[in-house]
Amino acid sequence: MKKSNLIKIVLGLTLSLLVFGGCNQKKDVVDFKLFGDKMATLYNAHDATGLANLYTEDAILFDTQGKAMVQGKAEIEKYYASYFRAFPDVKIEILQTIGSENKVCFEMMTSGTFTGVLSSPGSEVQPTGLRSTLQGAFIAILNPDGLIAEDRTYYDQYMWMKQLGLLNTAEEPK
């Protein structure tokens, strides 16, 4: 076989692999940067309904210990509404976005002043008037339509409670 024919065959095979191999690659569910921008815009506008519409009907919101805390779009909307009432000036800034296929992670900075009652399942926490600024991470699994099926948000809960004056000195670790 001539060298030029061999080169043509190798180039043809390489091109075929690039073209047809690329067609079989999994695509990301959403544009993660746009998704993060939309979430931040809704959060900063305190739009609990808009945020809830980014979740599936049976979505689960987990607490910082990994336990299911809130389930279902309606309950997630109530959760956000309660948080926005407790922290009427709360803002979020997304520092970085990482995503692949159906998973997305945002590193974020949130800050707000605790001036309203914070209602959660089974309890109400009275406001302290103190401000909190924390860095954390939002990790989500999305369904094929790009809606959040699982929300795992992590932050330093101890530091948050300390900044807001919710810990007694006797509760602080030694």
Protein backbone atom coordinates (compact mmCIF):
# COMPACT_ATOMS: atom_id res chain seq x y z
CA MET A 1 0.00 0.00 0.00
CA LYS A 2 1.28 3.41 -0.91
CA LYS A 3 2.23 5.78 1.89
CA SER A 4 -0.18 8.45 0.56
CA ASN A 5 -3.12 5.99 0.62
CA LEU A 6 -2.28 4.98 4.20
CA ILE A 7 -2.22 8.64 5.26
CA LYS A 8 -5.63 9.20 3.61
CA ILE A 9 -7.10 6.18 5.41
CA VAL A 10 -5.71 7.29 8.79
CA LEU A 11 -6.96 10.85 8.28
CA GLY A 12 -10.36 9.55 7.18
CA LEU A 13 -10.66 7.32 10.25
CA THR A 14 -9.56 10.16 12.54
CA LEU A 15 -12.11 12.53 11.02
CA SER A 16 -14.85 9.87 11.30
CA LEU A 17 -14.05 9.33 14.98
CA LEU A 18 -14.14 13.05 15.68
CA VAL A 19 -17.44 13.58 13.86
CA PHE A 20 -19.31 10.47 14.96
CA GLY A 21 -17.71 10.18 18.38
CA GLY A 22 -18.75 13.75 19.19
CA CYS A 23 -22.36 12.92 18.37
CA ASN A 24 -22.49 10.33 21.14
CA GLN A 25 -21.16 12.55 23.91
CA LYS A 26 -23.55 13.45 26.70
CA LYS A 27 -24.64 17.06 26.64
CA ASP A 28 -25.05 19.21 29.71
CA VAL A 29 -28.64 19.67 30.83
CA VAL A 30 -28.38 23.46 31.04
CA ASP A 31 -26.00 26.36 30.55
CA PHE A 32 -24.70 26.45 34.11
CA LYS A 33 -23.55 30.08 34.03
CA LEU A 34 -26.99 31.26 32.87
CA PHE A 35 -28.65 29.00 35.43
CA GLY A 36 -26.55 30.52 38.23
CA ASP A 37 -27.22 34.05 37.02
CA LYS A 38 -30.97 33.32 36.99
CA MET A 39 -30.88 31.84 40.50
CA ALA A 40 -28.89 34.81 41.85
CA THR A 41 -31.23 37.32 40.20
CA LEU A 42 -34.33 35.62 41.67
CA TYR A 43 -32.67 35.25 45.08
CA ASN A 44 -31.56 38.89 45.19
CA ALA A 45 -35.08 39.97 44.15
CA HIS A 46 -36.43 37.79 47.00
CA ASP A 47 -38.68 36.00 44.48
CA ALA A 48 -39.59 32.81 46.37
CA THR A 49 -42.08 31.76 43.68
CA GLY A 50 -39.54 32.26 40.91
CA LEU A 51 -36.94 30.24 42.81
CA ALA A 52 -39.44 27.45 43.53
CA ASN A 53 -40.18 27.27 39.81
CA LEU A 54 -36.56 26.18 39.28
CA TYR A 55 -37.32 22.98 41.25
CA THR A 56 -39.18 19.79 40.31
CA GLU A 57 -42.55 19.13 41.95
CA ASP A 58 -40.96 16.54 44.29
CA ALA A 59 -37.56 18.19 44.80
CA ILE A 60 -35.72 17.70 48.07
CA LEU A 61 -33.80 20.40 49.91
CA PHE A 62 -31.23 18.90 52.30
CA ASP A 63 -29.85 20.53 55.44
CA THR A 64 -26.13 20.97 56.17
CA GLN A 65 -26.02 17.51 57.79
CA GLY A 66 -27.39 15.85 54.63
CA LYS A 67 -30.88 15.15 56.01
CA ALA A 68 -33.99 15.88 53.94
CA MET A 69 -35.29 19.16 55.35
CA VAL A 70 -37.95 20.31 52.87
CA GLN A 71 -39.63 18.36 50.09
CA GLY A 72 -41.80 19.54 47.22
CA LYS A 73 -41.96 22.75 45.25
CA ALA A 74 -44.66 24.31 47.47
CA GLU A 75 -42.66 23.68 50.65
CA ILE A 76 -39.48 24.99 49.03
CA GLU A 77 -41.32 28.20 48.12
CA LYS A 78 -42.46 28.56 51.77
CA TYR A 79 -38.87 27.96 52.91
CA TYR A 80 -37.49 30.74 50.69
CA ALA A 81 -40.34 33.11 51.61
CA SER A 82 -39.67 32.57 55.33
CA TYR A 83 -35.96 33.17 54.86
CA PHE A 84 -36.55 36.38 52.89
CA ARG A 85 -38.91 37.66 55.64
CA ALA A 86 -36.25 36.94 58.28
CA PHE A 87 -33.44 38.50 56.21
CA PRO A 88 -35.11 41.22 54.10
CA ASP A 89 -31.78 42.59 52.86
CA VAL A 90 -30.14 39.21 52.07
CA LYS A 91 -28.05 39.09 48.91
CA ILE A 92 -26.09 36.37 47.20
CA GLU A 93 -23.05 36.55 44.97
CA ILE A 94 -21.95 33.54 42.95
CA LEU A 95 -18.17 33.38 43.05
CA GLN A 96 -17.66 30.40 40.78
CA THR A 97 -19.72 27.85 38.88
CA ILE A 98 -18.83 24.23 38.19
CA GLY A 99 -21.16 21.97 36.24
CA SER A 100 -21.24 18.81 34.21
CA GLU A 101 -24.10 16.83 32.69
CA ASN A 102 -26.85 17.02 35.34
CA LYS A 103 -24.88 18.38 38.31
CA VAL A 104 -24.06 21.97 39.19
CA CYS A 105 -22.14 23.59 42.05
CA PHE A 106 -21.95 27.26 42.93
CA GLU A 107 -19.47 28.69 45.38
CA MET A 108 -21.31 31.64 46.86
CA MET A 109 -21.18 34.48 49.34
CA THR A 110 -24.36 35.50 51.16
CA SER A 111 -24.96 38.36 53.54
CA GLY A 112 -28.02 39.66 55.31
CA THR A 113 -29.37 41.14 58.53
CA PHE A 114 -31.61 39.04 60.79
CA THR A 115 -34.52 41.44 61.39
CA GLY A 116 -37.58 39.19 61.00
CA VAL A 117 -38.82 36.00 62.64
CA LEU A 118 -37.28 32.89 61.05
CA SER A 119 -39.86 30.13 60.79
CA SER A 120 -38.77 26.58 60.16
CA PRO A 121 -40.55 23.26 60.57
CA GLY A 122 -41.28 23.00 64.29
CA SER A 123 -39.73 26.26 65.48
CA GLU A 124 -39.54 30.03 65.24
CA VAL A 125 -36.37 31.99 65.93
CA GLN A 126 -36.69 35.60 67.02
CA PRO A 127 -34.54 38.17 65.19
CA THR A 128 -31.34 39.51 66.72
CA GLY A 129 -30.77 42.46 64.40
CA LEU A 130 -27.26 41.17 63.69
CA ARG A 131 -25.67 40.70 60.27
CA SER A 132 -24.13 37.56 58.83
CA THR A 133 -21.74 37.15 55.89
CA LEU A 134 -20.84 33.62 54.89
CA GLN A 135 -19.25 31.70 52.07
CA GLY A 136 -20.81 28.38 51.12
CA ALA A 137 -21.60 25.95 48.33
CA PHE A 138 -24.82 25.07 46.53
CA ILE A 139 -24.77 21.61 44.93
CA ALA A 140 -27.71 20.42 42.86
CA ILE A 141 -28.77 17.48 40.75
CA LEU A 142 -30.94 18.53 37.81
CA ASN A 143 -33.57 16.54 35.95
CA PRO A 144 -33.52 16.28 32.12
CA ASP A 145 -35.60 19.48 31.90
CA GLY A 146 -32.94 21.42 33.84
CA LEU A 147 -34.97 21.67 37.07
CA ILE A 148 -33.47 21.06 40.50
CA ALA A 149 -34.32 17.61 41.85
CA GLU A 150 -31.92 17.73 44.83
CA ASP A 151 -30.50 20.82 46.55
CA ARG A 152 -27.62 20.45 48.99
CA THR A 153 -26.44 23.80 50.30
CA TYR A 154 -23.46 23.82 52.65
CA TYR A 155 -22.16 26.60 54.87
CA ASP A 156 -20.53 26.96 58.27
CA GLN A 157 -23.66 26.73 60.40
CA TYR A 158 -21.72 27.35 63.63
CA MET A 159 -20.22 30.59 62.27
CA TRP A 160 -23.64 31.68 60.94
CA MET A 161 -25.27 31.16 64.34
CA LYS A 162 -22.36 32.87 66.10
CA GLN A 163 -22.53 35.93 63.82
CA LEU A 164 -26.28 36.19 64.44
CA GLY A 165 -25.91 35.93 68.24
CA LEU A 166 -27.81 32.62 68.39
CA LEU A 167 -25.25 30.79 70.50
CA ASN A 168 -24.67 31.10 74.22
CA THR A 169 -21.01 31.15 75.27
CA ALA A 170 -21.69 27.85 77.08
CA GLU A 171 -22.57 26.29 73.68
CA GLU A 172 -19.29 27.27 72.03
CA PRO A 173 -16.82 24.41 71.47
CA LYS A 174 -13.64 24.45 73.55
